[in-house]
Amino acid sequence: MDQASRMMRTLLTLSLLYTLGCQAAEININQLLADIQRERDLQSSPLNELAEDYYNGGESDPGEVIMQRVRKGAGNCYAKGKCLYYSKRMKAEFCGACGRRPGCFPGNAHVLKESGEVISMDQLRVNDRVLAASRSGVLTFSPVVSWLDKRSNDTTQYLELTVQQGQRIVLSSNHVLLVREGDQLVSRFAGQVQPGDVLKVAESLDTESWSPVISSRPVLATGAFVPLTAEGTIVVDGVLASCYASFDHDWAHALTAPIRWFPALFEAAEDRDADGPRAAVEMLKEFGRWLFSDPGSKHRAAVDDSVVQIPLMALPQSTAQ
């Protein structure tokens, strides 16, 4: 292990202990990394049981319908280095990255730079200053200090939330939004947001208002972008959102403090806009899964089982000619 890796792990461990106030806690980083790898292996395994249950209705022979689906679509997906998925919500198949990971924001989502330029998420770069807000909702411009994840070519299922004023934000169901309750903003996962919930909307630093959600619908979109600003928030397509997914905003914001304060310690300057998940973030997620072991709780998003991977199966000998 090189010195930079040792420093990164040490800083993460110390920040986690400090945040939790657990002076006697011991976090085995090597075990966390092993657990992360096991989870990736499980995610990339064919989900035979789920696929069979859905396509066969739990009744017919588990081979025939699956094989028809594989012959129709999966071969093309796998030839492209991707996997075939089925969206139960949209009743549609699509090619996506194998070992599916949640998105966050698609590549065609838009943000406002301090210069006044509106750019798409796939054009955003580290150090760009974009419209965001403080935890209390006061608008400001905040620099992008890092990426929590970045996958330019992934296609996945998102939610499109529309507010009464007309703005539409597309994000994953496990992404965090800040919803107004009384005079406070509370952390809520997008999949839990209901019509009538009130979000902050803004097209510039000088124009802001509150608008209730009027609809939510699933959509397919390409790109999975998770920018991290110094404020931990970002205005996307005119709607204020958290930079975090999977876990409560305040916990995630506290645990990512070392990344926000000292980003250069976690990745080299030439790698900061590269595609791919970040090792430090993966360790923090694994810690969060240990800390909040109950998916669907107040602090952790529920597992989205509305997308099923269709396994690539060998043709039965009776049909292989």
C-alpha atoms as a PDB file:
ATOM      1  CA  MET A   1       0.000   0.000   0.000  1.00  0.00           C
ATOM      2  CA  ASP A   2       1.460   3.369  -1.022  1.00  0.00           C
ATOM      3  CA  GLN A   3       1.685   6.374   1.271  1.00  0.00           C
ATOM      4  CA  ALA A   4      -1.238   8.210  -0.384  1.00  0.00           C
ATOM      5  CA  SER A   5      -3.554   5.235   0.162  1.00  0.00           C
ATOM      6  CA  ARG A   6      -2.520   4.932   3.792  1.00  0.00           C
ATOM      7  CA  MET A   7      -3.129   8.648   4.329  1.00  0.00           C
ATOM      8  CA  MET A   8      -6.559   8.502   2.676  1.00  0.00           C
ATOM      9  CA  ARG A   9      -7.679   5.577   4.809  1.00  0.00           C
ATOM     10  CA  THR A  10      -6.354   7.159   7.969  1.00  0.00           C
ATOM     11  CA  LEU A  11      -8.175  10.443   7.292  1.00  0.00           C
ATOM     12  CA  LEU A  12     -11.413   8.642   6.535  1.00  0.00           C
ATOM     13  CA  THR A  13     -11.204   6.581   9.679  1.00  0.00           C
ATOM     14  CA  LEU A  14     -10.487   9.611  11.846  1.00  0.00           C
ATOM     15  CA  SER A  15     -13.320  11.635  10.298  1.00  0.00           C
ATOM     16  CA  LEU A  16     -15.808   8.840  10.830  1.00  0.00           C
ATOM     17  CA  LEU A  17     -14.811   8.425  14.452  1.00  0.00           C
ATOM     18  CA  TYR A  18     -14.998  12.155  15.034  1.00  0.00           C
ATOM     19  CA  THR A  19     -18.412  12.498  13.399  1.00  0.00           C
ATOM     20  CA  LEU A  20     -19.939   9.712  15.447  1.00  0.00           C
ATOM     21  CA  GLY A  21     -18.189  10.622  18.665  1.00  0.00           C
ATOM     22  CA  CYS A  22     -17.174   6.999  19.035  1.00  0.00           C
ATOM     23  CA  GLN A  23     -13.757   7.356  20.573  1.00  0.00           C
ATOM     24  CA  ALA A  24     -13.398   3.647  21.201  1.00  0.00           C
ATOM     25  CA  ALA A  25     -14.707   2.491  17.795  1.00  0.00           C
ATOM     26  CA  GLU A  26     -12.449   0.472  15.550  1.00  0.00           C
ATOM     27  CA  ILE A  27     -13.125   0.428  11.804  1.00  0.00           C
ATOM     28  CA  ASN A  28     -11.380  -2.243   9.777  1.00  0.00           C
ATOM     29  CA  ILE A  29     -10.879  -0.564   6.403  1.00  0.00           C
ATOM     30  CA  ASN A  30      -9.576  -3.743   4.782  1.00  0.00           C
ATOM     31  CA  GLN A  31     -12.755  -5.531   5.804  1.00  0.00           C
ATOM     32  CA  LEU A  32     -14.821  -2.670   4.388  1.00  0.00           C
ATOM     33  CA  LEU A  33     -13.055  -2.994   1.050  1.00  0.00           C
ATOM     34  CA  ALA A  34     -13.610  -6.767   1.049  1.00  0.00           C
ATOM     35  CA  ASP A  35     -17.309  -6.245   1.756  1.00  0.00           C
ATOM     36  CA  ILE A  36     -17.541  -3.702  -1.077  1.00  0.00           C
ATOM     37  CA  GLN A  37     -16.021  -6.198  -3.510  1.00  0.00           C
ATOM     38  CA  ARG A  38     -18.419  -8.940  -2.390  1.00  0.00           C
ATOM     39  CA  GLU A  39     -21.370  -6.600  -2.965  1.00  0.00           C
ATOM     40  CA  ARG A  40     -20.121  -5.737  -6.442  1.00  0.00           C
ATOM     41  CA  ASP A  41     -19.824  -9.441  -7.243  1.00  0.00           C
ATOM     42  CA  LEU A  42     -23.390 -10.024  -6.089  1.00  0.00           C
ATOM     43  CA  GLN A  43     -24.683  -7.053  -8.085  1.00  0.00           C
ATOM     44  CA  SER A  44     -23.072  -8.339 -11.262  1.00  0.00           C
ATOM     45  CA  SER A  45     -24.487 -11.858 -10.853  1.00  0.00           C
ATOM     46  CA  PRO A  46     -27.542 -12.782 -12.975  1.00  0.00           C
ATOM     47  CA  LEU A  47     -30.732 -12.210 -11.014  1.00  0.00           C
ATOM     48  CA  ASN A  48     -32.326 -15.444 -12.216  1.00  0.00           C
ATOM     49  CA  GLU A  49     -34.974 -15.790  -9.538  1.00  0.00           C
ATOM     50  CA  LEU A  50     -36.274 -12.226  -9.887  1.00  0.00           C
ATOM     51  CA  ALA A  51     -36.321 -12.410 -13.665  1.00  0.00           C
ATOM     52  CA  GLU A  52     -38.056 -15.800 -13.731  1.00  0.00           C
ATOM     53  CA  ASP A  53     -40.676 -14.691 -11.212  1.00  0.00           C
ATOM     54  CA  TYR A  54     -41.502 -11.590 -13.226  1.00  0.00           C
ATOM     55  CA  TYR A  55     -41.517 -12.952 -16.759  1.00  0.00           C
ATOM     56  CA  ASN A  56     -43.196 -16.221 -15.903  1.00  0.00           C
ATOM     57  CA  GLY A  57     -45.644 -14.917 -13.325  1.00  0.00           C
ATOM     58  CA  GLY A  58     -44.350 -17.563 -10.959  1.00  0.00           C
ATOM     59  CA  GLU A  59     -46.186 -20.250 -12.909  1.00  0.00           C
ATOM     60  CA  SER A  60     -44.732 -21.298 -16.274  1.00  0.00           C
ATOM     61  CA  ASP A  61     -41.555 -23.161 -17.087  1.00  0.00           C
ATOM     62  CA  PRO A  62     -38.589 -20.988 -15.968  1.00  0.00           C
ATOM     63  CA  GLY A  63     -36.634 -21.605 -19.174  1.00  0.00           C
ATOM     64  CA  GLU A  64     -38.782 -20.873 -22.186  1.00  0.00           C
ATOM     65  CA  VAL A  65     -39.835 -17.235 -21.635  1.00  0.00           C
ATOM     66  CA  ILE A  66     -36.407 -16.252 -20.319  1.00  0.00           C
ATOM     67  CA  MET A  67     -34.720 -17.750 -23.385  1.00  0.00           C
ATOM     68  CA  GLN A  68     -37.054 -15.859 -25.705  1.00  0.00           C
ATOM     69  CA  ARG A  69     -36.121 -12.603 -24.002  1.00  0.00           C
ATOM     70  CA  VAL A  70     -32.412 -13.424 -24.160  1.00  0.00           C
ATOM     71  CA  ARG A  71     -32.538 -14.223 -27.868  1.00  0.00           C
ATOM     72  CA  LYS A  72     -34.436 -10.984 -28.592  1.00  0.00           C
ATOM     73  CA  GLY A  73     -32.329  -8.486 -26.712  1.00  0.00           C
ATOM     74  CA  ALA A  74     -29.640  -9.583 -24.329  1.00  0.00           C
ATOM     75  CA  GLY A  75     -27.203 -10.745 -26.996  1.00  0.00           C
ATOM     76  CA  ASN A  76     -26.972  -7.251 -28.447  1.00  0.00           C
ATOM     77  CA  CYS A  77     -26.491  -5.742 -25.003  1.00  0.00           C
ATOM     78  CA  TYR A  78     -23.743  -8.155 -24.050  1.00  0.00           C
ATOM     79  CA  ALA A  79     -22.039  -7.645 -27.416  1.00  0.00           C
ATOM     80  CA  LYS A  80     -21.739  -3.983 -26.416  1.00  0.00           C
ATOM     81  CA  GLY A  81     -20.311  -4.933 -23.027  1.00  0.00           C
ATOM     82  CA  LYS A  82     -23.609  -4.155 -21.305  1.00  0.00           C
ATOM     83  CA  CYS A  83     -26.460  -6.122 -19.721  1.00  0.00           C
ATOM     84  CA  LEU A  84     -30.176  -6.296 -20.463  1.00  0.00           C
ATOM     85  CA  TYR A  85     -32.588  -4.882 -17.865  1.00  0.00           C
ATOM     86  CA  TYR A  86     -36.352  -4.720 -17.554  1.00  0.00           C
ATOM     87  CA  SER A  87     -38.138  -1.802 -15.892  1.00  0.00           C
ATOM     88  CA  LYS A  88     -41.298  -2.964 -14.157  1.00  0.00           C
ATOM     89  CA  ARG A  89     -42.480   0.627 -13.865  1.00  0.00           C
ATOM     90  CA  MET A  90     -42.024   1.473 -17.527  1.00  0.00           C
ATOM     91  CA  LYS A  91     -42.700  -1.991 -18.962  1.00  0.00           C
ATOM     92  CA  ALA A  92     -39.600  -1.556 -21.090  1.00  0.00           C
ATOM     93  CA  GLU A  93     -36.230  -3.211 -21.633  1.00  0.00           C
ATOM     94  CA  PHE A  94     -32.950  -1.333 -21.888  1.00  0.00           C
ATOM     95  CA  CYS A  95     -29.204  -1.920 -22.040  1.00  0.00           C
ATOM     96  CA  GLY A  96     -27.272  -0.745 -18.993  1.00  0.00           C
ATOM     97  CA  ALA A  97     -23.950  -1.241 -17.271  1.00  0.00           C
ATOM     98  CA  CYS A  98     -23.524  -4.712 -15.772  1.00  0.00           C
ATOM     99  CA  GLY A  99     -23.584  -4.660 -11.996  1.00  0.00           C
ATOM    100  CA  ARG A 100     -26.212  -1.921 -12.025  1.00  0.00           C
ATOM    101  CA  ARG A 101     -25.597   1.061  -9.767  1.00  0.00           C
ATOM    102  CA  PRO A 102     -28.079   3.876  -9.074  1.00  0.00           C
ATOM    103  CA  GLY A 103     -27.702   6.976 -11.194  1.00  0.00           C
ATOM    104  CA  CYS A 104     -28.274  10.371  -9.498  1.00  0.00           C
ATOM    105  CA  PHE A 105     -28.463  12.920 -12.326  1.00  0.00           C
ATOM    106  CA  PRO A 106     -28.401  12.128 -16.071  1.00  0.00           C
ATOM    107  CA  GLY A 107     -25.965  13.762 -18.464  1.00  0.00           C
ATOM    108  CA  ASN A 108     -28.572  16.082 -19.976  1.00  0.00           C
ATOM    109  CA  ALA A 109     -29.525  17.673 -16.629  1.00  0.00           C
ATOM    110  CA  HIS A 110     -28.556  21.362 -16.451  1.00  0.00           C
ATOM    111  CA  VAL A 111     -26.860  23.596 -13.891  1.00  0.00           C
ATOM    112  CA  LEU A 112     -26.165  27.346 -13.754  1.00  0.00           C
ATOM    113  CA  LYS A 113     -22.564  28.545 -13.499  1.00  0.00           C
ATOM    114  CA  GLU A 114     -21.599  31.768 -11.725  1.00  0.00           C
ATOM    115  CA  SER A 115     -20.672  33.208 -15.114  1.00  0.00           C
ATOM    116  CA  GLY A 116     -24.347  32.964 -16.099  1.00  0.00           C
ATOM    117  CA  GLU A 117     -23.746  30.064 -18.480  1.00  0.00           C
ATOM    118  CA  VAL A 118     -26.174  27.133 -18.334  1.00  0.00           C
ATOM    119  CA  ILE A 119     -24.377  23.847 -19.006  1.00  0.00           C
ATOM    120  CA  SER A 120     -25.343  20.184 -19.045  1.00  0.00           C
ATOM    121  CA  MET A 121     -24.145  17.868 -16.322  1.00  0.00           C
ATOM    122  CA  ASP A 122     -21.784  16.078 -18.710  1.00  0.00           C
ATOM    123  CA  GLN A 123     -20.020  19.423 -19.335  1.00  0.00           C
ATOM    124  CA  LEU A 124     -19.562  20.194 -15.640  1.00  0.00           C
ATOM    125  CA  ARG A 125     -16.016  20.163 -14.286  1.00  0.00           C
ATOM    126  CA  VAL A 126     -14.338  20.287 -10.884  1.00  0.00           C
ATOM    127  CA  ASN A 127     -13.810  23.905  -9.703  1.00  0.00           C
ATOM    128  CA  ASP A 128     -16.829  25.194 -11.659  1.00  0.00           C
ATOM    129  CA  ARG A 129     -18.934  27.406  -9.388  1.00  0.00           C
ATOM    130  CA  VAL A 130     -22.609  26.515  -9.711  1.00  0.00           C
ATOM    131  CA  LEU A 131     -25.887  27.634  -8.182  1.00  0.00           C
ATOM    132  CA  ALA A 132     -26.480  25.881  -4.863  1.00  0.00           C
ATOM    133  CA  ALA A 133     -27.794  26.777  -1.414  1.00  0.00           C
ATOM    134  CA  SER A 134     -26.874  26.667   2.233  1.00  0.00           C
ATOM    135  CA  ARG A 135     -28.484  24.030   4.449  1.00  0.00           C
ATOM    136  CA  SER A 136     -31.165  26.570   5.357  1.00  0.00           C
ATOM    137  CA  GLY A 137     -31.924  27.221   1.690  1.00  0.00           C
ATOM    138  CA  VAL A 138     -30.141  30.532   1.104  1.00  0.00           C
ATOM    139  CA  LEU A 139     -28.994  30.587  -2.520  1.00  0.00           C
ATOM    140  CA  THR A 140     -25.293  30.923  -3.269  1.00  0.00           C
ATOM    141  CA  PHE A 141     -22.701  29.864  -5.829  1.00  0.00           C
ATOM    142  CA  SER A 142     -20.582  26.955  -4.648  1.00  0.00           C
ATOM    143  CA  PRO A 143     -17.545  25.263  -6.244  1.00  0.00           C
ATOM    144  CA  VAL A 144     -17.640  21.650  -7.378  1.00  0.00           C
ATOM    145  CA  VAL A 145     -14.887  20.127  -5.249  1.00  0.00           C
ATOM    146  CA  SER A 146     -15.099  16.539  -6.503  1.00  0.00           C
ATOM    147  CA  TRP A 147     -17.275  13.852  -8.027  1.00  0.00           C
ATOM    148  CA  LEU A 148     -18.879  11.270  -5.776  1.00  0.00           C
ATOM    149  CA  ASP A 149     -19.459   9.149  -8.880  1.00  0.00           C
ATOM    150  CA  LYS A 150     -19.359   9.742 -12.604  1.00  0.00           C
ATOM    151  CA  ARG A 151     -20.428   7.317 -15.338  1.00  0.00           C
ATOM    152  CA  SER A 152     -20.978   9.096 -18.621  1.00  0.00           C
ATOM    153  CA  ASN A 153     -22.397   6.200 -20.655  1.00  0.00           C
ATOM    154  CA  ASP A 154     -24.643   4.364 -18.195  1.00  0.00           C
ATOM    155  CA  THR A 155     -28.338   4.129 -19.043  1.00  0.00           C
ATOM    156  CA  THR A 156     -30.672   3.635 -16.124  1.00  0.00           C
ATOM    157  CA  GLN A 157     -34.137   4.324 -14.764  1.00  0.00           C
ATOM    158  CA  TYR A 158     -34.725   7.713 -13.150  1.00  0.00           C
ATOM    159  CA  LEU A 159     -37.657   9.627 -11.712  1.00  0.00           C
ATOM    160  CA  GLU A 160     -38.886  12.855 -13.287  1.00  0.00           C
ATOM    161  CA  LEU A 161     -40.481  15.150 -10.713  1.00  0.00           C
ATOM    162  CA  THR A 162     -42.508  18.103 -12.003  1.00  0.00           C
ATOM    163  CA  VAL A 163     -43.384  21.088  -9.831  1.00  0.00           C
ATOM    164  CA  GLN A 164     -46.331  23.430 -10.247  1.00  0.00           C
ATOM    165  CA  GLN A 165     -44.218  26.209 -11.754  1.00  0.00           C
ATOM    166  CA  GLY A 166     -43.163  23.894 -14.565  1.00  0.00           C
ATOM    167  CA  GLN A 167     -39.597  22.908 -13.621  1.00  0.00           C
ATOM    168  CA  ARG A 168     -38.720  19.251 -14.026  1.00  0.00           C
ATOM    169  CA  ILE A 169     -35.865  17.516 -12.245  1.00  0.00           C
ATOM    170  CA  VAL A 170     -34.698  14.026 -13.236  1.00  0.00           C
ATOM    171  CA  LEU A 171     -32.863  12.034 -10.570  1.00  0.00           C
ATOM    172  CA  SER A 172     -32.625   8.542  -9.129  1.00  0.00           C
ATOM    173  CA  SER A 173     -35.198   7.383  -6.595  1.00  0.00           C
ATOM    174  CA  ASN A 174     -32.526   7.065  -3.900  1.00  0.00           C
ATOM    175  CA  HIS A 175     -31.251  10.630  -4.377  1.00  0.00           C
ATOM    176  CA  VAL A 176     -31.937  13.172  -1.632  1.00  0.00           C
ATOM    177  CA  LEU A 177     -34.125  16.236  -2.033  1.00  0.00           C
ATOM    178  CA  LEU A 178     -34.616  18.981   0.559  1.00  0.00           C
ATOM    179  CA  VAL A 179     -38.351  19.349   1.166  1.00  0.00           C
ATOM    180  CA  ARG A 180     -39.884  22.271   3.046  1.00  0.00           C
ATOM    181  CA  GLU A 181     -41.679  21.399   6.272  1.00  0.00           C
ATOM    182  CA  GLY A 182     -42.782  24.536   8.112  1.00  0.00           C
ATOM    183  CA  ASP A 183     -39.744  26.797   8.213  1.00  0.00           C
ATOM    184  CA  GLN A 184     -37.218  23.984   7.785  1.00  0.00           C
ATOM    185  CA  LEU A 185     -35.794  21.901   4.962  1.00  0.00           C
ATOM    186  CA  VAL A 186     -35.871  18.175   5.645  1.00  0.00           C
ATOM    187  CA  SER A 187     -33.984  15.397   3.883  1.00  0.00           C
ATOM    188  CA  ARG A 188     -36.191  13.095   1.807  1.00  0.00           C
ATOM    189  CA  PHE A 189     -35.382  10.500  -0.835  1.00  0.00           C
ATOM    190  CA  ALA A 190     -36.835  11.262  -4.265  1.00  0.00           C
ATOM    191  CA  GLY A 191     -38.760   7.994  -4.290  1.00  0.00           C
ATOM    192  CA  GLN A 192     -40.578   9.145  -1.133  1.00  0.00           C
ATOM    193  CA  VAL A 193     -41.516  12.584  -2.451  1.00  0.00           C
ATOM    194  CA  GLN A 194     -45.275  12.895  -2.971  1.00  0.00           C
ATOM    195  CA  PRO A 195     -47.479  15.376  -4.862  1.00  0.00           C
ATOM    196  CA  GLY A 196     -47.918  18.378  -2.599  1.00  0.00           C
ATOM    197  CA  ASP A 197     -44.406  18.235  -1.150  1.00  0.00           C
ATOM    198  CA  VAL A 198     -42.809  21.667  -1.554  1.00  0.00           C
ATOM    199  CA  LEU A 199     -39.391  22.206  -3.185  1.00  0.00           C
ATOM    200  CA  LYS A 200     -37.271  25.325  -3.685  1.00  0.00           C
ATOM    201  CA  VAL A 201     -37.016  26.435  -7.313  1.00  0.00           C
ATOM    202  CA  ALA A 202     -34.568  29.002  -8.693  1.00  0.00           C
ATOM    203  CA  GLU A 203     -33.394  30.063 -12.125  1.00  0.00           C
ATOM    204  CA  SER A 204     -30.752  32.487 -10.803  1.00  0.00           C
ATOM    205  CA  LEU A 205     -29.349  33.864  -7.572  1.00  0.00           C
ATOM    206  CA  ASP A 206     -32.019  36.577  -7.543  1.00  0.00           C
ATOM    207  CA  THR A 207     -35.074  34.514  -8.452  1.00  0.00           C
ATOM    208  CA  GLU A 208     -36.367  31.926  -6.036  1.00  0.00           C
ATOM    209  CA  SER A 209     -39.685  30.589  -4.839  1.00  0.00           C
ATOM    210  CA  TRP A 210     -41.348  27.504  -3.452  1.00  0.00           C
ATOM    211  CA  SER A 211     -43.401  25.176  -5.611  1.00  0.00           C
ATOM    212  CA  PRO A 212     -45.281  21.944  -4.820  1.00  0.00           C
ATOM    213  CA  VAL A 213     -44.610  18.711  -6.672  1.00  0.00           C
ATOM    214  CA  ILE A 214     -47.509  17.843  -8.973  1.00  0.00           C
ATOM    215  CA  SER A 215     -46.315  14.602 -10.592  1.00  0.00           C
ATOM    216  CA  SER A 216     -43.670  11.889 -10.582  1.00  0.00           C
ATOM    217  CA  ARG A 217     -42.974   9.430 -13.365  1.00  0.00           C
ATOM    218  CA  PRO A 218     -40.200   6.975 -14.297  1.00  0.00           C
ATOM    219  CA  VAL A 219     -37.990   7.746 -17.298  1.00  0.00           C
ATOM    220  CA  LEU A 220     -34.909   6.231 -18.909  1.00  0.00           C
ATOM    221  CA  ALA A 221     -31.866   8.479 -19.300  1.00  0.00           C
ATOM    222  CA  THR A 222     -28.164   8.155 -20.042  1.00  0.00           C
ATOM    223  CA  GLY A 223     -25.364   9.241 -17.746  1.00  0.00           C
ATOM    224  CA  ALA A 224     -24.926   9.005 -13.996  1.00  0.00           C
ATOM    225  CA  PHE A 225     -23.375  12.150 -12.517  1.00  0.00           C
ATOM    226  CA  VAL A 226     -22.944  12.912  -8.807  1.00  0.00           C
ATOM    227  CA  PRO A 227     -21.135  16.248  -8.323  1.00  0.00           C
ATOM    228  CA  LEU A 228     -20.095  17.276  -4.818  1.00  0.00           C
ATOM    229  CA  THR A 229     -20.144  21.000  -4.057  1.00  0.00           C
ATOM    230  CA  ALA A 230     -18.683  22.684  -0.990  1.00  0.00           C
ATOM    231  CA  GLU A 231     -22.239  23.369   0.235  1.00  0.00           C
ATOM    232  CA  GLY A 232     -23.384  19.795  -0.372  1.00  0.00           C
ATOM    233  CA  THR A 233     -26.316  21.057  -2.473  1.00  0.00           C
ATOM    234  CA  ILE A 234     -26.891  21.954  -6.113  1.00  0.00           C
ATOM    235  CA  VAL A 235     -29.672  23.495  -8.196  1.00  0.00           C
ATOM    236  CA  VAL A 236     -30.430  21.157 -11.100  1.00  0.00           C
ATOM    237  CA  ASP A 237     -32.845  22.214 -13.842  1.00  0.00           C
ATOM    238  CA  GLY A 238     -34.095  24.951 -11.547  1.00  0.00           C
ATOM    239  CA  VAL A 239     -34.794  22.725  -8.526  1.00  0.00           C
ATOM    240  CA  LEU A 240     -32.703  22.592  -5.346  1.00  0.00           C
ATOM    241  CA  ALA A 241     -31.330  19.134  -4.568  1.00  0.00           C
ATOM    242  CA  SER A 242     -28.805  17.563  -2.245  1.00  0.00           C
ATOM    243  CA  CYS A 243     -25.524  16.281  -3.659  1.00  0.00           C
ATOM    244  CA  TYR A 244     -26.048  12.991  -1.817  1.00  0.00           C
ATOM    245  CA  ALA A 245     -27.867   9.744  -2.408  1.00  0.00           C
ATOM    246  CA  SER A 246     -28.700   6.612  -0.423  1.00  0.00           C
ATOM    247  CA  PHE A 247     -28.276   8.259   2.994  1.00  0.00           C
ATOM    248  CA  ASP A 248     -29.735  11.202   4.925  1.00  0.00           C
ATOM    249  CA  HIS A 249     -28.323  14.560   3.767  1.00  0.00           C
ATOM    250  CA  ASP A 250     -26.906  15.688   7.119  1.00  0.00           C
ATOM    251  CA  TRP A 251     -25.145  12.398   7.858  1.00  0.00           C
ATOM    252  CA  ALA A 252     -23.710  12.248   4.337  1.00  0.00           C
ATOM    253  CA  HIS A 253     -22.594  15.874   4.514  1.00  0.00           C
ATOM    254  CA  ALA A 254     -20.788  15.288   7.805  1.00  0.00           C
ATOM    255  CA  LEU A 255     -19.076  12.112   6.645  1.00  0.00           C
ATOM    256  CA  THR A 256     -17.837  13.651   3.389  1.00  0.00           C
ATOM    257  CA  ALA A 257     -16.221  16.579   5.191  1.00  0.00           C
ATOM    258  CA  PRO A 258     -12.642  15.351   4.542  1.00  0.00           C
ATOM    259  CA  ILE A 259     -13.374  15.026   0.810  1.00  0.00           C
ATOM    260  CA  ARG A 260     -14.891  18.518   0.683  1.00  0.00           C
ATOM    261  CA  TRP A 261     -12.113  20.114   2.759  1.00  0.00           C
ATOM    262  CA  PHE A 262      -9.087  18.268   1.326  1.00  0.00           C
ATOM    263  CA  PRO A 263     -10.059  16.844  -2.099  1.00  0.00           C
ATOM    264  CA  ALA A 264      -6.453  16.784  -3.296  1.00  0.00           C
ATOM    265  CA  LEU A 265      -5.641  14.144  -0.673  1.00  0.00           C
ATOM    266  CA  PHE A 266      -8.071  11.664  -2.212  1.00  0.00           C
ATOM    267  CA  GLU A 267      -7.311  11.859  -5.924  1.00  0.00           C
ATOM    268  CA  ALA A 268      -4.750  13.420  -8.201  1.00  0.00           C
ATOM    269  CA  ALA A 269      -5.650  16.607 -10.057  1.00  0.00           C
ATOM    270  CA  GLU A 270      -5.555  14.845 -13.446  1.00  0.00           C
ATOM    271  CA  ASP A 271      -8.060  12.228 -12.219  1.00  0.00           C
ATOM    272  CA  ARG A 272     -10.632  14.506 -10.621  1.00  0.00           C
ATOM    273  CA  ASP A 273     -12.891  14.689 -13.692  1.00  0.00           C
ATOM    274  CA  ALA A 274     -12.387  11.071 -14.752  1.00  0.00           C
ATOM    275  CA  ASP A 275     -15.224   8.580 -15.005  1.00  0.00           C
ATOM    276  CA  GLY A 276     -15.763   5.957 -12.333  1.00  0.00           C
ATOM    277  CA  PRO A 277     -16.699   5.579  -8.658  1.00  0.00           C
ATOM    278  CA  ARG A 278     -14.352   7.016  -6.029  1.00  0.00           C
ATOM    279  CA  ALA A 279     -12.642   4.674  -3.565  1.00  0.00           C
ATOM    280  CA  ALA A 280     -13.127   7.018  -0.620  1.00  0.00           C
ATOM    281  CA  VAL A 281     -16.842   7.328  -1.372  1.00  0.00           C
ATOM    282  CA  GLU A 282     -17.219   3.557  -1.659  1.00  0.00           C
ATOM    283  CA  MET A 283     -15.722   3.159   1.813  1.00  0.00           C
ATOM    284  CA  LEU A 284     -18.051   5.792   3.219  1.00  0.00           C
ATOM    285  CA  LYS A 285     -21.058   4.049   1.648  1.00  0.00           C
ATOM    286  CA  GLU A 286     -20.046   0.746   3.173  1.00  0.00           C
ATOM    287  CA  PHE A 287     -19.725   2.409   6.547  1.00  0.00           C
ATOM    288  CA  GLY A 288     -23.181   3.942   6.062  1.00  0.00           C
ATOM    289  CA  ARG A 289     -24.665   0.532   5.279  1.00  0.00           C
ATOM    290  CA  TRP A 290     -23.184  -0.753   8.513  1.00  0.00           C
ATOM    291  CA  LEU A 291     -24.338   2.266  10.511  1.00  0.00           C
ATOM    292  CA  PHE A 292     -27.878   2.248   9.055  1.00  0.00           C
ATOM    293  CA  SER A 293     -28.499  -1.438   8.485  1.00  0.00           C
ATOM    294  CA  ASP A 294     -32.210  -1.101   7.707  1.00  0.00           C
ATOM    295  CA  PRO A 295     -32.925  -0.102   4.065  1.00  0.00           C
ATOM    296  CA  GLY A 296     -36.022   2.042   3.921  1.00  0.00           C
ATOM    297  CA  SER A 297     -35.392   3.691   7.286  1.00  0.00           C
ATOM    298  CA  LYS A 298     -35.337   7.444   7.834  1.00  0.00           C
ATOM    299  CA  HIS A 299     -31.593   7.608   7.245  1.00  0.00           C
ATOM    300  CA  ARG A 300     -31.180   5.096   4.393  1.00  0.00           C
ATOM    301  CA  ALA A 301     -33.006   4.753   1.085  1.00  0.00           C
ATOM    302  CA  ALA A 302     -35.049   1.655   0.351  1.00  0.00           C
ATOM    303  CA  VAL A 303     -33.740  -0.789  -2.232  1.00  0.00           C
ATOM    304  CA  ASP A 304     -35.283  -0.126  -5.653  1.00  0.00           C
ATOM    305  CA  ASP A 305     -36.376  -3.524  -6.965  1.00  0.00           C
ATOM    306  CA  SER A 306     -38.335  -2.135  -9.916  1.00  0.00           C
ATOM    307  CA  VAL A 307     -35.499  -2.923 -12.351  1.00  0.00           C
ATOM    308  CA  VAL A 308     -34.599  -6.551 -13.044  1.00  0.00           C
ATOM    309  CA  GLN A 309     -31.493  -7.821 -14.816  1.00  0.00           C
ATOM    310  CA  ILE A 310     -32.234 -10.437 -17.464  1.00  0.00           C
ATOM    311  CA  PRO A 311     -29.471 -13.048 -17.351  1.00  0.00           C
ATOM    312  CA  LEU A 312     -27.561 -14.138 -20.419  1.00  0.00           C
ATOM    313  CA  MET A 313     -28.178 -17.882 -20.440  1.00  0.00           C
ATOM    314  CA  ALA A 314     -26.788 -20.544 -22.726  1.00  0.00           C
ATOM    315  CA  LEU A 315     -29.290 -21.812 -25.273  1.00  0.00           C
ATOM    316  CA  PRO A 316     -30.826 -25.209 -24.401  1.00  0.00           C
ATOM    317  CA  GLN A 317     -29.246 -28.032 -26.344  1.00  0.00           C
ATOM    318  CA  SER A 318     -32.588 -28.783 -27.995  1.00  0.00           C
ATOM    319  CA  THR A 319     -32.529 -25.331 -29.678  1.00  0.00           C
ATOM    320  CA  ALA A 320     -28.771 -24.937 -30.246  1.00  0.00           C
ATOM    321  CA  GLN A 321     -28.263 -25.865 -33.889  1.00  0.00           C
END
